[in-house]
Amino acid sequence: KLLYQQNNGNEEEMNKFLLSIISNLTINIENVYIRVEDPEYPFAFSMILPSITVNSADSNWNIVRGVLNPEIMFKSILLKNFSMILDRNPSTSIIDEILLNN
């Protein structure tokens, strides 16, 4: 509502403003650990994501800052050391050891 009021209800200006924000957005997430266990079956699934970074990029996938009026938006996603673990016997899991070493 505030954005709408600041642009005097001009939808085109509002869209340009939002596009500018999204095209210049950088996201950095670190140290994510997700684990799903089934208590009825000896089963566990885990994902370890030490780092994920999302940046704006140009058409050659070079990371850029300050994108102005993009016609096509490119985003580069970098995953570092992504791991997925399927554990059929979670009672003897070594996942804690893996997490401590990362």
N, C-alpha and C. Protein backbone atom coordinates (compact mmCIF):
# COMPACT_ATOMS: atom_id res chain seq x y z
N LYS A 1 0.83 -1.19 0.00
CA LYS A 1 0.00 0.00 0.00
C LYS A 1 0.87 1.25 0.00
N LEU A 2 1.93 1.25 0.83
CA LEU A 2 2.82 2.40 0.90
C LEU A 2 3.50 2.64 -0.45
N LEU A 3 3.98 1.57 -1.08
CA LEU A 3 4.62 1.70 -2.39
C LEU A 3 3.64 2.26 -3.41
N TYR A 4 2.40 1.81 -3.35
CA TYR A 4 1.36 2.30 -4.26
C TYR A 4 1.12 3.79 -4.04
N GLN A 5 1.07 4.21 -2.78
CA GLN A 5 0.85 5.63 -2.46
C GLN A 5 2.05 6.49 -2.88
N GLN A 6 3.27 5.99 -2.68
CA GLN A 6 4.46 6.75 -3.04
C GLN A 6 4.54 6.98 -4.55
N ASN A 7 4.00 6.07 -5.33
CA ASN A 7 4.02 6.21 -6.79
C ASN A 7 2.70 6.76 -7.32
N ASN A 8 1.91 7.35 -6.45
CA ASN A 8 0.63 7.98 -6.81
C ASN A 8 -0.26 7.05 -7.63
N GLY A 9 -0.21 5.77 -7.30
CA GLY A 9 -1.06 4.80 -7.99
C GLY A 9 -0.58 4.46 -9.39
N ASN A 10 0.61 4.91 -9.78
CA ASN A 10 1.15 4.63 -11.10
C ASN A 10 1.74 3.22 -11.11
N GLU A 11 1.00 2.30 -11.71
CA GLU A 11 1.38 0.90 -11.70
C GLU A 11 2.68 0.65 -12.46
N GLU A 12 2.91 1.37 -13.55
CA GLU A 12 4.13 1.18 -14.34
C GLU A 12 5.37 1.58 -13.53
N GLU A 13 5.31 2.69 -12.81
CA GLU A 13 6.43 3.12 -11.98
C GLU A 13 6.66 2.14 -10.84
N MET A 14 5.59 1.64 -10.27
CA MET A 14 5.69 0.67 -9.20
C MET A 14 6.36 -0.61 -9.70
N ASN A 15 6.00 -1.07 -10.88
CA ASN A 15 6.61 -2.27 -11.46
C ASN A 15 8.09 -2.06 -11.74
N LYS A 16 8.47 -0.89 -12.24
CA LYS A 16 9.88 -0.58 -12.49
C LYS A 16 10.68 -0.61 -11.19
N PHE A 17 10.09 -0.05 -10.13
CA PHE A 17 10.75 -0.01 -8.85
C PHE A 17 10.96 -1.43 -8.30
N LEU A 18 9.92 -2.26 -8.35
CA LEU A 18 10.02 -3.64 -7.87
C LEU A 18 11.01 -4.46 -8.70
N LEU A 19 11.01 -4.27 -10.00
CA LEU A 19 11.94 -4.96 -10.88
C LEU A 19 13.38 -4.56 -10.56
N SER A 20 13.59 -3.30 -10.26
CA SER A 20 14.92 -2.83 -9.89
C SER A 20 15.40 -3.51 -8.60
N ILE A 21 14.52 -3.65 -7.63
CA ILE A 21 14.88 -4.31 -6.38
C ILE A 21 15.22 -5.77 -6.63
N ILE A 22 14.36 -6.49 -7.35
CA ILE A 22 14.58 -7.92 -7.59
C ILE A 22 15.83 -8.16 -8.42
N SER A 23 16.07 -7.34 -9.43
CA SER A 23 17.23 -7.55 -10.30
C SER A 23 18.54 -7.27 -9.58
N ASN A 24 18.53 -6.49 -8.51
CA ASN A 24 19.76 -6.19 -7.77
C ASN A 24 19.86 -6.95 -6.46
N LEU A 25 18.95 -7.87 -6.21
CA LEU A 25 18.92 -8.62 -4.97
C LEU A 25 20.01 -9.68 -4.93
N THR A 26 20.74 -9.74 -3.82
CA THR A 26 21.74 -10.77 -3.56
C THR A 26 21.32 -11.51 -2.30
N ILE A 27 21.37 -12.84 -2.36
CA ILE A 27 20.98 -13.67 -1.22
C ILE A 27 22.16 -14.56 -0.86
N ASN A 28 22.48 -14.63 0.42
CA ASN A 28 23.54 -15.51 0.90
C ASN A 28 23.02 -16.25 2.13
N ILE A 29 22.95 -17.58 2.04
CA ILE A 29 22.46 -18.42 3.14
C ILE A 29 23.57 -19.40 3.50
N GLU A 30 23.84 -19.56 4.79
CA GLU A 30 24.92 -20.44 5.22
C GLU A 30 24.46 -21.41 6.29
N ASN A 31 25.10 -22.58 6.30
CA ASN A 31 24.95 -23.60 7.34
C ASN A 31 23.51 -24.08 7.53
N VAL A 32 22.96 -24.67 6.48
CA VAL A 32 21.61 -25.23 6.54
C VAL A 32 21.72 -26.74 6.66
N TYR A 33 20.98 -27.29 7.60
CA TYR A 33 20.93 -28.75 7.79
C TYR A 33 19.47 -29.14 7.95
N ILE A 34 19.00 -30.05 7.09
CA ILE A 34 17.62 -30.53 7.15
C ILE A 34 17.66 -32.05 7.28
N ARG A 35 16.89 -32.58 8.19
CA ARG A 35 16.85 -34.03 8.41
C ARG A 35 15.41 -34.46 8.58
N VAL A 36 15.05 -35.53 7.89
CA VAL A 36 13.71 -36.10 7.99
C VAL A 36 13.87 -37.56 8.40
N GLU A 37 13.18 -37.95 9.47
CA GLU A 37 13.23 -39.33 9.94
C GLU A 37 11.82 -39.89 9.98
N ASP A 38 11.72 -41.17 9.75
CA ASP A 38 10.45 -41.87 9.88
C ASP A 38 10.55 -42.81 11.07
N PRO A 39 9.77 -42.56 12.14
CA PRO A 39 9.88 -43.38 13.35
C PRO A 39 9.42 -44.83 13.15
N GLU A 40 8.60 -45.09 12.14
CA GLU A 40 8.10 -46.45 11.93
C GLU A 40 9.05 -47.33 11.13
N TYR A 41 9.92 -46.70 10.36
CA TYR A 41 10.85 -47.45 9.52
C TYR A 41 12.27 -46.96 9.80
N PRO A 42 13.25 -47.84 9.70
CA PRO A 42 14.64 -47.37 9.91
C PRO A 42 15.12 -46.58 8.68
N PHE A 43 14.77 -45.30 8.68
CA PHE A 43 15.03 -44.48 7.51
C PHE A 43 15.25 -43.03 7.94
N ALA A 44 16.25 -42.38 7.33
CA ALA A 44 16.48 -40.95 7.54
C ALA A 44 17.04 -40.36 6.26
N PHE A 45 16.61 -39.15 5.95
CA PHE A 45 17.10 -38.41 4.79
C PHE A 45 17.60 -37.06 5.28
N SER A 46 18.81 -36.68 4.88
CA SER A 46 19.39 -35.42 5.33
C SER A 46 19.97 -34.65 4.15
N MET A 47 19.95 -33.33 4.28
CA MET A 47 20.61 -32.44 3.33
C MET A 47 21.48 -31.48 4.12
N ILE A 48 22.71 -31.32 3.68
CA ILE A 48 23.64 -30.39 4.30
C ILE A 48 24.02 -29.37 3.23
N LEU A 49 23.81 -28.10 3.55
CA LEU A 49 24.11 -27.03 2.61
C LEU A 49 24.94 -25.96 3.32
N PRO A 50 26.28 -26.09 3.23
CA PRO A 50 27.12 -25.11 3.92
C PRO A 50 26.97 -23.68 3.38
N SER A 51 26.70 -23.54 2.07
CA SER A 51 26.60 -22.19 1.53
C SER A 51 25.83 -22.18 0.21
N ILE A 52 24.91 -21.22 0.09
CA ILE A 52 24.24 -20.95 -1.18
C ILE A 52 24.21 -19.44 -1.37
N THR A 53 24.60 -19.01 -2.57
CA THR A 53 24.63 -17.59 -2.88
C THR A 53 23.90 -17.36 -4.20
N VAL A 54 23.01 -16.37 -4.21
CA VAL A 54 22.28 -15.99 -5.41
C VAL A 54 22.66 -14.54 -5.74
N ASN A 55 23.17 -14.33 -6.96
CA ASN A 55 23.60 -12.99 -7.41
C ASN A 55 22.97 -12.67 -8.75
N SER A 56 22.94 -11.39 -9.08
CA SER A 56 22.56 -10.96 -10.42
C SER A 56 23.73 -11.22 -11.35
N ALA A 57 23.40 -11.54 -12.60
CA ALA A 57 24.45 -11.83 -13.58
C ALA A 57 24.07 -11.21 -14.92
N ASP A 58 25.09 -11.09 -15.78
CA ASP A 58 24.81 -10.62 -17.14
C ASP A 58 24.55 -11.82 -18.05
N SER A 59 24.38 -11.58 -19.33
CA SER A 59 24.04 -12.68 -20.26
C SER A 59 25.17 -13.68 -20.43
N ASN A 60 26.39 -13.34 -19.97
CA ASN A 60 27.52 -14.28 -20.01
C ASN A 60 27.77 -14.93 -18.65
N TRP A 61 26.86 -14.76 -17.73
CA TRP A 61 26.87 -15.34 -16.38
C TRP A 61 27.99 -14.77 -15.51
N ASN A 62 28.43 -13.56 -15.80
CA ASN A 62 29.36 -12.86 -14.93
C ASN A 62 28.54 -12.13 -13.88
N ILE A 63 28.95 -12.21 -12.62
CA ILE A 63 28.23 -11.54 -11.54
C ILE A 63 28.37 -10.03 -11.70
N VAL A 64 27.24 -9.33 -11.60
CA VAL A 64 27.22 -7.87 -11.77
C VAL A 64 26.50 -7.23 -10.60
N ARG A 65 26.78 -5.98 -10.37
CA ARG A 65 26.11 -5.15 -9.35
C ARG A 65 25.47 -3.97 -10.06
N GLY A 66 24.38 -3.51 -9.55
CA GLY A 66 23.74 -2.31 -10.07
C GLY A 66 23.13 -2.48 -11.45
N VAL A 67 22.28 -3.47 -11.61
CA VAL A 67 21.61 -3.69 -12.89
C VAL A 67 20.56 -2.60 -13.08
N LEU A 68 20.62 -1.91 -14.23
CA LEU A 68 19.66 -0.84 -14.51
C LEU A 68 18.75 -1.26 -15.65
N ASN A 69 17.46 -1.18 -15.44
CA ASN A 69 16.44 -1.47 -16.46
C ASN A 69 16.69 -2.77 -17.24
N PRO A 70 16.70 -3.90 -16.56
CA PRO A 70 16.95 -5.15 -17.29
C PRO A 70 15.75 -5.56 -18.14
N GLU A 71 16.04 -5.97 -19.36
CA GLU A 71 14.98 -6.53 -20.19
C GLU A 71 14.82 -8.01 -19.88
N ILE A 72 15.95 -8.66 -19.63
CA ILE A 72 15.96 -10.07 -19.22
C ILE A 72 16.80 -10.15 -17.95
N MET A 73 16.27 -10.81 -16.94
CA MET A 73 16.97 -10.91 -15.67
C MET A 73 17.69 -12.26 -15.58
N PHE A 74 18.98 -12.22 -15.21
CA PHE A 74 19.77 -13.43 -15.01
C PHE A 74 20.17 -13.49 -13.54
N LYS A 75 20.06 -14.69 -12.96
CA LYS A 75 20.50 -14.90 -11.58
C LYS A 75 21.45 -16.10 -11.57
N SER A 76 22.58 -15.93 -10.89
CA SER A 76 23.58 -16.98 -10.74
C SER A 76 23.43 -17.58 -9.35
N ILE A 77 23.37 -18.92 -9.29
CA ILE A 77 23.24 -19.61 -8.01
C ILE A 77 24.48 -20.46 -7.80
N LEU A 78 25.15 -20.27 -6.66
CA LEU A 78 26.35 -21.03 -6.33
C LEU A 78 26.08 -21.86 -5.08
N LEU A 79 26.17 -23.18 -5.22
CA LEU A 79 26.05 -24.11 -4.10
C LEU A 79 27.44 -24.62 -3.77
N LYS A 80 27.82 -24.56 -2.51
CA LYS A 80 29.13 -25.07 -2.10
C LYS A 80 28.94 -26.27 -1.18
N ASN A 81 29.57 -27.37 -1.53
CA ASN A 81 29.62 -28.59 -0.71
C ASN A 81 28.24 -29.12 -0.33
N PHE A 82 27.32 -29.09 -1.26
CA PHE A 82 25.97 -29.61 -1.03
C PHE A 82 26.03 -31.13 -0.88
N SER A 83 25.38 -31.66 0.16
CA SER A 83 25.38 -33.11 0.40
C SER A 83 23.96 -33.58 0.68
N MET A 84 23.65 -34.76 0.16
CA MET A 84 22.40 -35.43 0.49
C MET A 84 22.77 -36.81 1.04
N ILE A 85 22.10 -37.20 2.12
CA ILE A 85 22.42 -38.46 2.77
C ILE A 85 21.12 -39.25 2.96
N LEU A 86 21.14 -40.48 2.52
CA LEU A 86 20.04 -41.41 2.74
C LEU A 86 20.56 -42.48 3.68
N ASP A 87 20.00 -42.54 4.86
CA ASP A 87 20.49 -43.41 5.91
C ASP A 87 19.44 -44.46 6.23
N ARG A 88 19.75 -45.72 5.97
CA ARG A 88 18.78 -46.81 6.22
C ARG A 88 18.82 -47.28 7.66
N ASN A 89 19.82 -46.86 8.44
CA ASN A 89 19.90 -47.24 9.84
C ASN A 89 20.31 -46.01 10.66
N PRO A 90 19.35 -45.10 10.92
CA PRO A 90 19.69 -43.83 11.56
C PRO A 90 20.22 -43.97 12.99
N SER A 91 20.01 -45.11 13.63
CA SER A 91 20.52 -45.26 15.00
C SER A 91 22.04 -45.34 15.03
N THR A 92 22.66 -45.69 13.88
CA THR A 92 24.12 -45.75 13.82
C THR A 92 24.66 -44.69 12.85
N SER A 93 23.96 -43.60 12.75
CA SER A 93 24.29 -42.55 11.79
C SER A 93 25.61 -41.86 12.12
N ILE A 94 26.32 -41.42 11.07
CA ILE A 94 27.56 -40.66 11.25
C ILE A 94 27.36 -39.20 10.84
N ILE A 95 26.12 -38.78 10.74
CA ILE A 95 25.81 -37.42 10.28
C ILE A 95 26.37 -36.38 11.25
N ASP A 96 26.28 -36.60 12.55
CA ASP A 96 26.83 -35.64 13.51
C ASP A 96 28.33 -35.44 13.29
N GLU A 97 29.03 -36.52 13.00
CA GLU A 97 30.46 -36.44 12.71
C GLU A 97 30.73 -35.63 11.46
N ILE A 98 29.91 -35.83 10.43
CA ILE A 98 30.06 -35.08 9.18
C ILE A 98 29.84 -33.59 9.43
N LEU A 99 28.80 -33.25 10.20
CA LEU A 99 28.51 -31.84 10.49
C LEU A 99 29.64 -31.18 11.28
N LEU A 100 30.22 -31.91 12.21
CA LEU A 100 31.30 -31.34 13.01
C LEU A 100 32.55 -31.10 12.17
N ASN A 101 32.76 -31.89 11.13
CA ASN A 101 33.95 -31.73 10.30
C ASN A 101 33.78 -30.67 9.21
N ASN A 102 32.56 -30.24 8.93
CA ASN A 102 32.32 -29.19 7.92
C ASN A 102 32.34 -27.90 8.60
